[in-house]
């Protein structure tokens, strides 16, 4: 592990997974192997929870891990392989936030808890990439149980969304859906929808069903039509449309 920039770290708590040894002595774990090859959830919890007496990961190790994960994420995102996107983003943001937290603790104030910086870094990256807001705050706070970092997570999420919107209004999933040409109902309709009526988009002649219809008639209609939405009308007793029916 030390050949590629990582170090062997002593296991400081038994409440978390001991990590991956990968050539380290008994009671130690390889920091890079733990982040890249071990449990990502446990690696992130180490960044958030551990600060004394030793940092769970060195600055160089976290920088290498973040760069490696970012490169792999860029290559595999959108590919038909189970590479994941949520946890790599959390780990990358956690590594960068923890680096800032350790630097602040070393050169500014020893009373600073770097784990909150790791939590805020994960929220900032996810907020900027996915444009998630309230759901992101709940996921990170509930997942880590760190209520003390609520204010930091909220502030970084809002700022990350604001900065991300300066470059584009769409999140990474919205961009992927658009590039793949998938059908997606947007949050706000296009302005042309205000000028469009039902008669502009419906087919002619209108094919409809009665409230009580024979199965054979329904089958004949489905076989003769290319669309799958039909108005259901009530004949007699005042008339009027009674709803709509659709077929898969």
C-alpha atoms as a PDB file:
ATOM      1  CA  UNK A   1       0.000   0.000   0.000  1.00  0.00           C
ATOM      2  CA  UNK A   2       2.842   2.413   0.781  1.00  0.00           C
ATOM      3  CA  UNK A   3       4.290   1.849  -2.701  1.00  0.00           C
ATOM      4  CA  UNK A   4       1.366   3.747  -4.265  1.00  0.00           C
ATOM      5  CA  UNK A   5       1.160   6.522  -1.707  1.00  0.00           C
ATOM      6  CA  UNK A   6      -0.908   4.954   1.066  1.00  0.00           C
ATOM      7  CA  UNK A   7       0.007   4.014   4.618  1.00  0.00           C
ATOM      8  CA  UNK A   8      -0.880   1.394   7.170  1.00  0.00           C
ATOM      9  CA  UNK A   9      -3.126   2.834   9.873  1.00  0.00           C
ATOM     10  CA  UNK A  10      -3.858   1.314  13.305  1.00  0.00           C
ATOM     11  CA  UNK A  11      -7.414   0.181  13.950  1.00  0.00           C
ATOM     12  CA  UNK A  12      -8.774   2.737  16.431  1.00  0.00           C
ATOM     13  CA  UNK A  13     -12.291   1.424  17.063  1.00  0.00           C
ATOM     14  CA  UNK A  14     -13.947  -1.952  16.979  1.00  0.00           C
ATOM     15  CA  UNK A  15     -17.385  -0.545  16.153  1.00  0.00           C
ATOM     16  CA  UNK A  16     -16.458  -0.266  12.469  1.00  0.00           C
ATOM     17  CA  UNK A  17     -15.152  -2.782   9.989  1.00  0.00           C
ATOM     18  CA  UNK A  18     -11.416  -3.279  10.642  1.00  0.00           C
ATOM     19  CA  UNK A  19     -10.660  -2.527   6.989  1.00  0.00           C
ATOM     20  CA  UNK A  20      -8.379  -4.354   4.573  1.00  0.00           C
ATOM     21  CA  UNK A  21      -4.907  -5.313   5.731  1.00  0.00           C
ATOM     22  CA  UNK A  22      -3.293  -5.909   2.287  1.00  0.00           C
ATOM     23  CA  UNK A  23       0.231  -6.426   3.614  1.00  0.00           C
ATOM     24  CA  UNK A  24      -0.164  -4.460   6.837  1.00  0.00           C
ATOM     25  CA  UNK A  25       0.541  -5.932  10.263  1.00  0.00           C
ATOM     26  CA  UNK A  26      -2.059  -7.328  12.618  1.00  0.00           C
ATOM     27  CA  UNK A  27      -4.242  -4.558  14.037  1.00  0.00           C
ATOM     28  CA  UNK A  28      -3.607  -2.256  11.074  1.00  0.00           C
ATOM     29  CA  UNK A  29      -5.388  -1.535   7.799  1.00  0.00           C
ATOM     30  CA  UNK A  30      -4.239  -0.259   4.420  1.00  0.00           C
ATOM     31  CA  UNK A  31      -5.893   3.117   3.904  1.00  0.00           C
ATOM     32  CA  UNK A  32      -6.048   3.103   0.093  1.00  0.00           C
ATOM     33  CA  UNK A  33      -7.264  -0.483  -0.081  1.00  0.00           C
ATOM     34  CA  UNK A  34      -9.901   0.258   2.558  1.00  0.00           C
ATOM     35  CA  UNK A  35     -11.298   3.167   0.543  1.00  0.00           C
ATOM     36  CA  UNK A  36     -11.035   1.685  -2.945  1.00  0.00           C
ATOM     37  CA  UNK A  37     -11.626  -2.018  -2.316  1.00  0.00           C
ATOM     38  CA  UNK A  38     -13.357  -2.222   1.063  1.00  0.00           C
ATOM     39  CA  UNK A  39     -16.798  -1.211   2.264  1.00  0.00           C
ATOM     40  CA  UNK A  40     -17.494   2.294   1.006  1.00  0.00           C
ATOM     41  CA  UNK A  41     -20.021   2.940   3.749  1.00  0.00           C
ATOM     42  CA  UNK A  42     -17.529   2.034   6.460  1.00  0.00           C
ATOM     43  CA  UNK A  43     -14.797   4.112   4.813  1.00  0.00           C
ATOM     44  CA  UNK A  44     -17.058   7.161   4.765  1.00  0.00           C
ATOM     45  CA  UNK A  45     -18.102   6.593   8.372  1.00  0.00           C
ATOM     46  CA  UNK A  46     -14.407   6.583   9.308  1.00  0.00           C
ATOM     47  CA  UNK A  47     -13.989   9.980   7.692  1.00  0.00           C
ATOM     48  CA  UNK A  48     -17.009  11.383   9.536  1.00  0.00           C
ATOM     49  CA  UNK A  49     -16.557   9.822  13.000  1.00  0.00           C
ATOM     50  CA  UNK A  50     -12.832   9.356  13.646  1.00  0.00           C
ATOM     51  CA  UNK A  51     -10.576  12.252  14.542  1.00  0.00           C
ATOM     52  CA  UNK A  52      -8.687  11.218  17.662  1.00  0.00           C
ATOM     53  CA  UNK A  53      -5.965  10.236  18.340  1.00  0.00           C
ATOM     54  CA  UNK A  54      -5.118   9.748  14.654  1.00  0.00           C
ATOM     55  CA  UNK A  55      -6.830  10.663  11.404  1.00  0.00           C
ATOM     56  CA  UNK A  56      -8.211   7.506   9.735  1.00  0.00           C
ATOM     57  CA  UNK A  57      -6.625   8.437   6.398  1.00  0.00           C
ATOM     58  CA  UNK A  58      -3.643  10.552   5.448  1.00  0.00           C
ATOM     59  CA  UNK A  59      -3.984  13.642   3.256  1.00  0.00           C
ATOM     60  CA  UNK A  60      -2.058  12.009   0.435  1.00  0.00           C
ATOM     61  CA  UNK A  61      -4.085   8.821   0.692  1.00  0.00           C
ATOM     62  CA  UNK A  62      -7.405  10.669   0.535  1.00  0.00           C
ATOM     63  CA  UNK A  63      -6.211  12.779  -2.399  1.00  0.00           C
ATOM     64  CA  UNK A  64      -5.152   9.674  -4.326  1.00  0.00           C
ATOM     65  CA  UNK A  65      -8.397   7.905  -3.463  1.00  0.00           C
ATOM     66  CA  UNK A  66     -10.513  10.878  -4.591  1.00  0.00           C
ATOM     67  CA  UNK A  67      -8.587  11.194  -7.870  1.00  0.00           C
ATOM     68  CA  UNK A  68      -8.854   7.457  -8.569  1.00  0.00           C
ATOM     69  CA  UNK A  69     -12.580   7.342  -7.796  1.00  0.00           C
ATOM     70  CA  UNK A  70     -13.228  10.421  -9.916  1.00  0.00           C
ATOM     71  CA  UNK A  71     -11.406   8.919 -12.894  1.00  0.00           C
ATOM     72  CA  UNK A  72     -13.267   5.627 -12.590  1.00  0.00           C
ATOM     73  CA  UNK A  73     -16.583   7.457 -12.152  1.00  0.00           C
ATOM     74  CA  UNK A  74     -16.082   9.501 -15.315  1.00  0.00           C
ATOM     75  CA  UNK A  75     -15.237   6.383 -17.336  1.00  0.00           C
ATOM     76  CA  UNK A  76     -17.984   4.097 -16.037  1.00  0.00           C
ATOM     77  CA  UNK A  77     -20.910   6.506 -15.610  1.00  0.00           C
ATOM     78  CA  UNK A  78     -23.623   5.714 -18.144  1.00  0.00           C
ATOM     79  CA  UNK A  79     -22.061   2.383 -19.067  1.00  0.00           C
ATOM     80  CA  UNK A  80     -24.193  -0.780 -18.652  1.00  0.00           C
ATOM     81  CA  UNK A  81     -22.115  -1.984 -15.700  1.00  0.00           C
ATOM     82  CA  UNK A  82     -22.968  -1.891 -11.975  1.00  0.00           C
ATOM     83  CA  UNK A  83     -20.354   0.729 -11.142  1.00  0.00           C
ATOM     84  CA  UNK A  84     -22.527   2.864  -8.883  1.00  0.00           C
ATOM     85  CA  UNK A  85     -22.746   6.630  -8.682  1.00  0.00           C
ATOM     86  CA  UNK A  86     -24.086   7.655  -5.272  1.00  0.00           C
ATOM     87  CA  UNK A  87     -21.421   6.143  -3.020  1.00  0.00           C
ATOM     88  CA  UNK A  88     -18.452   7.135  -5.239  1.00  0.00           C
ATOM     89  CA  UNK A  89     -19.715  10.734  -5.144  1.00  0.00           C
ATOM     90  CA  UNK A  90     -20.086  10.555  -1.370  1.00  0.00           C
ATOM     91  CA  UNK A  91     -16.572   9.162  -0.996  1.00  0.00           C
ATOM     92  CA  UNK A  92     -15.013  11.734  -3.334  1.00  0.00           C
ATOM     93  CA  UNK A  93     -16.746  14.601  -1.550  1.00  0.00           C
ATOM     94  CA  UNK A  94     -15.928  13.080   1.832  1.00  0.00           C
ATOM     95  CA  UNK A  95     -12.237  12.779   0.953  1.00  0.00           C
ATOM     96  CA  UNK A  96     -11.995  16.363  -0.271  1.00  0.00           C
ATOM     97  CA  UNK A  97     -13.938  17.693   2.705  1.00  0.00           C
ATOM     98  CA  UNK A  98     -11.832  15.694   5.159  1.00  0.00           C
ATOM     99  CA  UNK A  99      -8.651  17.047   3.567  1.00  0.00           C
ATOM    100  CA  UNK A 100      -9.886  20.605   4.136  1.00  0.00           C
ATOM    101  CA  UNK A 101     -10.914  19.730   7.685  1.00  0.00           C
ATOM    102  CA  UNK A 102      -7.521  18.236   8.533  1.00  0.00           C
ATOM    103  CA  UNK A 103      -5.727  21.274   7.090  1.00  0.00           C
ATOM    104  CA  UNK A 104      -7.930  23.647   9.093  1.00  0.00           C
ATOM    105  CA  UNK A 105      -7.323  21.633  12.251  1.00  0.00           C
ATOM    106  CA  UNK A 106      -3.561  21.586  11.662  1.00  0.00           C
ATOM    107  CA  UNK A 107      -2.991  25.209  10.701  1.00  0.00           C
ATOM    108  CA  UNK A 108      -5.981  27.142  12.094  1.00  0.00           C
ATOM    109  CA  UNK A 109      -7.601  25.640  15.189  1.00  0.00           C
ATOM    110  CA  UNK A 110      -6.936  22.334  16.949  1.00  0.00           C
ATOM    111  CA  UNK A 111     -10.512  22.279  18.269  1.00  0.00           C
ATOM    112  CA  UNK A 112     -11.978  21.809  14.777  1.00  0.00           C
ATOM    113  CA  UNK A 113     -13.642  18.437  14.150  1.00  0.00           C
ATOM    114  CA  UNK A 114     -12.673  17.351  10.592  1.00  0.00           C
ATOM    115  CA  UNK A 115     -15.538  14.855  10.364  1.00  0.00           C
ATOM    116  CA  UNK A 116     -18.044  17.662   9.818  1.00  0.00           C
ATOM    117  CA  UNK A 117     -15.984  18.846   6.859  1.00  0.00           C
ATOM    118  CA  UNK A 118     -16.154  15.353   5.347  1.00  0.00           C
ATOM    119  CA  UNK A 119     -19.929  15.344   5.758  1.00  0.00           C
ATOM    120  CA  UNK A 120     -20.223  18.814   4.233  1.00  0.00           C
ATOM    121  CA  UNK A 121     -17.959  17.815   1.339  1.00  0.00           C
ATOM    122  CA  UNK A 122     -20.148  14.834   0.474  1.00  0.00           C
ATOM    123  CA  UNK A 123     -23.243  17.058   0.596  1.00  0.00           C
ATOM    124  CA  UNK A 124     -21.581  19.686  -1.610  1.00  0.00           C
ATOM    125  CA  UNK A 125     -20.577  17.218  -4.320  1.00  0.00           C
ATOM    126  CA  UNK A 126     -23.940  15.455  -4.406  1.00  0.00           C
ATOM    127  CA  UNK A 127     -25.825  18.747  -4.319  1.00  0.00           C
ATOM    128  CA  UNK A 128     -23.831  20.146  -7.213  1.00  0.00           C
ATOM    129  CA  UNK A 129     -23.892  17.014  -9.358  1.00  0.00           C
ATOM    130  CA  UNK A 130     -27.395  15.683  -8.709  1.00  0.00           C
ATOM    131  CA  UNK A 131     -29.047  18.982  -7.708  1.00  0.00           C
ATOM    132  CA  UNK A 132     -30.665  17.190  -4.772  1.00  0.00           C
ATOM    133  CA  UNK A 133     -31.811  19.312  -1.835  1.00  0.00           C
ATOM    134  CA  UNK A 134     -34.071  18.174   1.005  1.00  0.00           C
ATOM    135  CA  UNK A 135     -33.752  14.466   0.239  1.00  0.00           C
ATOM    136  CA  UNK A 136     -29.953  14.759   0.259  1.00  0.00           C
ATOM    137  CA  UNK A 137     -29.956  16.412   3.685  1.00  0.00           C
ATOM    138  CA  UNK A 138     -32.143  13.665   5.142  1.00  0.00           C
ATOM    139  CA  UNK A 139     -30.080  10.867   3.578  1.00  0.00           C
ATOM    140  CA  UNK A 140     -26.757  12.137   4.924  1.00  0.00           C
ATOM    141  CA  UNK A 141     -28.011  13.058   8.388  1.00  0.00           C
ATOM    142  CA  UNK A 142     -30.000   9.852   8.879  1.00  0.00           C
ATOM    143  CA  UNK A 143     -27.270   7.687   7.363  1.00  0.00           C
ATOM    144  CA  UNK A 144     -24.482   9.045   9.539  1.00  0.00           C
ATOM    145  CA  UNK A 145     -26.474   9.961  12.656  1.00  0.00           C
ATOM    146  CA  UNK A 146     -24.469  13.193  12.887  1.00  0.00           C
ATOM    147  CA  UNK A 147     -27.121  15.735  13.830  1.00  0.00           C
ATOM    148  CA  UNK A 148     -24.439  18.285  14.744  1.00  0.00           C
ATOM    149  CA  UNK A 149     -23.547  18.624  11.062  1.00  0.00           C
ATOM    150  CA  UNK A 150     -27.086  19.562   9.994  1.00  0.00           C
ATOM    151  CA  UNK A 151     -26.371  23.274   9.552  1.00  0.00           C
ATOM    152  CA  UNK A 152     -23.190  22.622   7.576  1.00  0.00           C
ATOM    153  CA  UNK A 153     -24.970  20.129   5.301  1.00  0.00           C
ATOM    154  CA  UNK A 154     -27.857  22.532   4.642  1.00  0.00           C
ATOM    155  CA  UNK A 155     -25.561  25.466   3.838  1.00  0.00           C
ATOM    156  CA  UNK A 156     -23.267  23.471   1.540  1.00  0.00           C
ATOM    157  CA  UNK A 157     -26.233  21.878  -0.258  1.00  0.00           C
ATOM    158  CA  UNK A 158     -27.815  25.272  -0.963  1.00  0.00           C
ATOM    159  CA  UNK A 159     -24.528  26.809  -2.111  1.00  0.00           C
ATOM    160  CA  UNK A 160     -23.683  23.782  -4.281  1.00  0.00           C
ATOM    161  CA  UNK A 161     -27.093  23.933  -5.989  1.00  0.00           C
ATOM    162  CA  UNK A 162     -26.701  27.677  -6.586  1.00  0.00           C
ATOM    163  CA  UNK A 163     -23.225  27.305  -8.088  1.00  0.00           C
ATOM    164  CA  UNK A 164     -24.308  24.323 -10.181  1.00  0.00           C
ATOM    165  CA  UNK A 165     -27.260  26.245 -11.603  1.00  0.00           C
ATOM    166  CA  UNK A 166     -24.848  28.883 -12.850  1.00  0.00           C
ATOM    167  CA  UNK A 167     -23.460  26.288 -15.285  1.00  0.00           C
ATOM    168  CA  UNK A 168     -26.773  24.600 -16.147  1.00  0.00           C
ATOM    169  CA  UNK A 169     -30.214  23.909 -14.745  1.00  0.00           C
ATOM    170  CA  UNK A 170     -30.036  20.145 -15.217  1.00  0.00           C
ATOM    171  CA  UNK A 171     -28.527  17.566 -12.913  1.00  0.00           C
ATOM    172  CA  UNK A 172     -26.413  14.683 -14.118  1.00  0.00           C
ATOM    173  CA  UNK A 173     -29.380  12.297 -14.271  1.00  0.00           C
ATOM    174  CA  UNK A 174     -31.434  14.777 -16.293  1.00  0.00           C
ATOM    175  CA  UNK A 175     -28.580  15.136 -18.765  1.00  0.00           C
ATOM    176  CA  UNK A 176     -28.220  11.363 -19.070  1.00  0.00           C
ATOM    177  CA  UNK A 177     -31.954  10.880 -19.688  1.00  0.00           C
ATOM    178  CA  UNK A 178     -31.924  13.557 -22.388  1.00  0.00           C
ATOM    179  CA  UNK A 179     -28.839  12.151 -24.116  1.00  0.00           C
ATOM    180  CA  UNK A 180     -30.328   8.655 -24.191  1.00  0.00           C
ATOM    181  CA  UNK A 181     -33.571   9.989 -25.635  1.00  0.00           C
ATOM    182  CA  UNK A 182     -35.753   8.562 -22.875  1.00  0.00           C
ATOM    183  CA  UNK A 183     -39.255   9.872 -22.261  1.00  0.00           C
ATOM    184  CA  UNK A 184     -39.248  12.170 -19.288  1.00  0.00           C
ATOM    185  CA  UNK A 185     -41.987  14.421 -17.923  1.00  0.00           C
ATOM    186  CA  UNK A 186     -40.322  17.663 -16.956  1.00  0.00           C
ATOM    187  CA  UNK A 187     -41.216  19.603 -13.836  1.00  0.00           C
ATOM    188  CA  UNK A 188     -42.399  22.674 -15.778  1.00  0.00           C
ATOM    189  CA  UNK A 189     -44.087  22.351 -19.187  1.00  0.00           C
ATOM    190  CA  UNK A 190     -42.800  24.136 -22.252  1.00  0.00           C
ATOM    191  CA  UNK A 191     -44.334  27.520 -22.995  1.00  0.00           C
ATOM    192  CA  UNK A 192     -45.873  26.116 -26.187  1.00  0.00           C
ATOM    193  CA  UNK A 193     -48.144  23.948 -24.065  1.00  0.00           C
ATOM    194  CA  UNK A 194     -50.061  27.071 -23.067  1.00  0.00           C
ATOM    195  CA  UNK A 195     -51.015  27.584 -26.717  1.00  0.00           C
ATOM    196  CA  UNK A 196     -52.019  23.981 -27.370  1.00  0.00           C
ATOM    197  CA  UNK A 197     -55.494  22.511 -26.948  1.00  0.00           C
ATOM    198  CA  UNK A 198     -56.628  18.891 -26.765  1.00  0.00           C
ATOM    199  CA  UNK A 199     -57.972  19.029 -30.316  1.00  0.00           C
ATOM    200  CA  UNK A 200     -54.468  19.829 -31.595  1.00  0.00           C
ATOM    201  CA  UNK A 201     -52.981  16.556 -30.373  1.00  0.00           C
ATOM    202  CA  UNK A 202     -55.859  14.061 -30.397  1.00  0.00           C
ATOM    203  CA  UNK A 203     -56.452  11.680 -33.297  1.00  0.00           C
ATOM    204  CA  UNK A 204     -59.464  11.776 -35.600  1.00  0.00           C
ATOM    205  CA  UNK A 205     -61.967  10.218 -35.624  1.00  0.00           C
ATOM    206  CA  UNK A 206     -62.158   9.988 -31.858  1.00  0.00           C
ATOM    207  CA  UNK A 207     -62.152   6.379 -30.599  1.00  0.00           C
ATOM    208  CA  UNK A 208     -63.868   6.059 -27.240  1.00  0.00           C
ATOM    209  CA  UNK A 209     -65.345   3.485 -24.900  1.00  0.00           C
ATOM    210  CA  UNK A 210     -68.643   3.450 -23.112  1.00  0.00           C
ATOM    211  CA  UNK A 211     -68.842   2.968 -19.363  1.00  0.00           C
ATOM    212  CA  UNK A 212     -70.113  -0.566 -19.942  1.00  0.00           C
ATOM    213  CA  UNK A 213     -68.403  -2.187 -22.923  1.00  0.00           C
ATOM    214  CA  UNK A 214     -68.102  -5.714 -24.290  1.00  0.00           C
ATOM    215  CA  UNK A 215     -64.718  -7.390 -24.125  1.00  0.00           C
ATOM    216  CA  UNK A 216     -64.835  -8.227 -27.813  1.00  0.00           C
ATOM    217  CA  UNK A 217     -65.368  -4.581 -28.731  1.00  0.00           C
ATOM    218  CA  UNK A 218     -62.426  -3.515 -26.579  1.00  0.00           C
ATOM    219  CA  UNK A 219     -60.178  -6.123 -28.176  1.00  0.00           C
ATOM    220  CA  UNK A 220     -61.200  -5.020 -31.684  1.00  0.00           C
ATOM    221  CA  UNK A 221     -60.454  -1.386 -30.854  1.00  0.00           C
ATOM    222  CA  UNK A 222     -57.049  -2.182 -29.372  1.00  0.00           C
ATOM    223  CA  UNK A 223     -56.082  -4.219 -32.418  1.00  0.00           C
ATOM    224  CA  UNK A 224     -57.101  -1.458 -34.813  1.00  0.00           C
ATOM    225  CA  UNK A 225     -55.476   1.508 -33.028  1.00  0.00           C
ATOM    226  CA  UNK A 226     -51.838   2.480 -32.615  1.00  0.00           C
ATOM    227  CA  UNK A 227     -52.340   4.645 -29.539  1.00  0.00           C
ATOM    228  CA  UNK A 228     -53.265   3.443 -26.048  1.00  0.00           C
ATOM    229  CA  UNK A 229     -55.395   6.207 -24.526  1.00  0.00           C
ATOM    230  CA  UNK A 230     -59.163   6.282 -24.961  1.00  0.00           C
ATOM    231  CA  UNK A 231     -61.864   8.547 -23.470  1.00  0.00           C
ATOM    232  CA  UNK A 232     -64.607   6.799 -21.522  1.00  0.00           C
ATOM    233  CA  UNK A 233     -67.973   8.454 -22.132  1.00  0.00           C
ATOM    234  CA  UNK A 234     -71.365   7.993 -20.557  1.00  0.00           C
ATOM    235  CA  UNK A 235     -74.182   7.746 -23.107  1.00  0.00           C
ATOM    236  CA  UNK A 236     -77.556   9.039 -21.907  1.00  0.00           C
ATOM    237  CA  UNK A 237     -78.447  10.655 -18.593  1.00  0.00           C
ATOM    238  CA  UNK A 238     -76.862  13.975 -19.486  1.00  0.00           C
ATOM    239  CA  UNK A 239     -73.847  12.574 -21.386  1.00  0.00           C
ATOM    240  CA  UNK A 240     -70.397  13.975 -20.779  1.00  0.00           C
ATOM    241  CA  UNK A 241     -66.990  12.358 -20.496  1.00  0.00           C
ATOM    242  CA  UNK A 242     -66.561   9.960 -17.623  1.00  0.00           C
ATOM    243  CA  UNK A 243     -62.784   9.563 -17.615  1.00  0.00           C
ATOM    244  CA  UNK A 244     -60.039   7.908 -19.641  1.00  0.00           C
ATOM    245  CA  UNK A 245     -58.785   4.385 -20.209  1.00  0.00           C
ATOM    246  CA  UNK A 246     -55.321   3.251 -21.234  1.00  0.00           C
ATOM    247  CA  UNK A 247     -53.760   0.018 -22.387  1.00  0.00           C
ATOM    248  CA  UNK A 248     -50.205  -1.121 -21.738  1.00  0.00           C
END
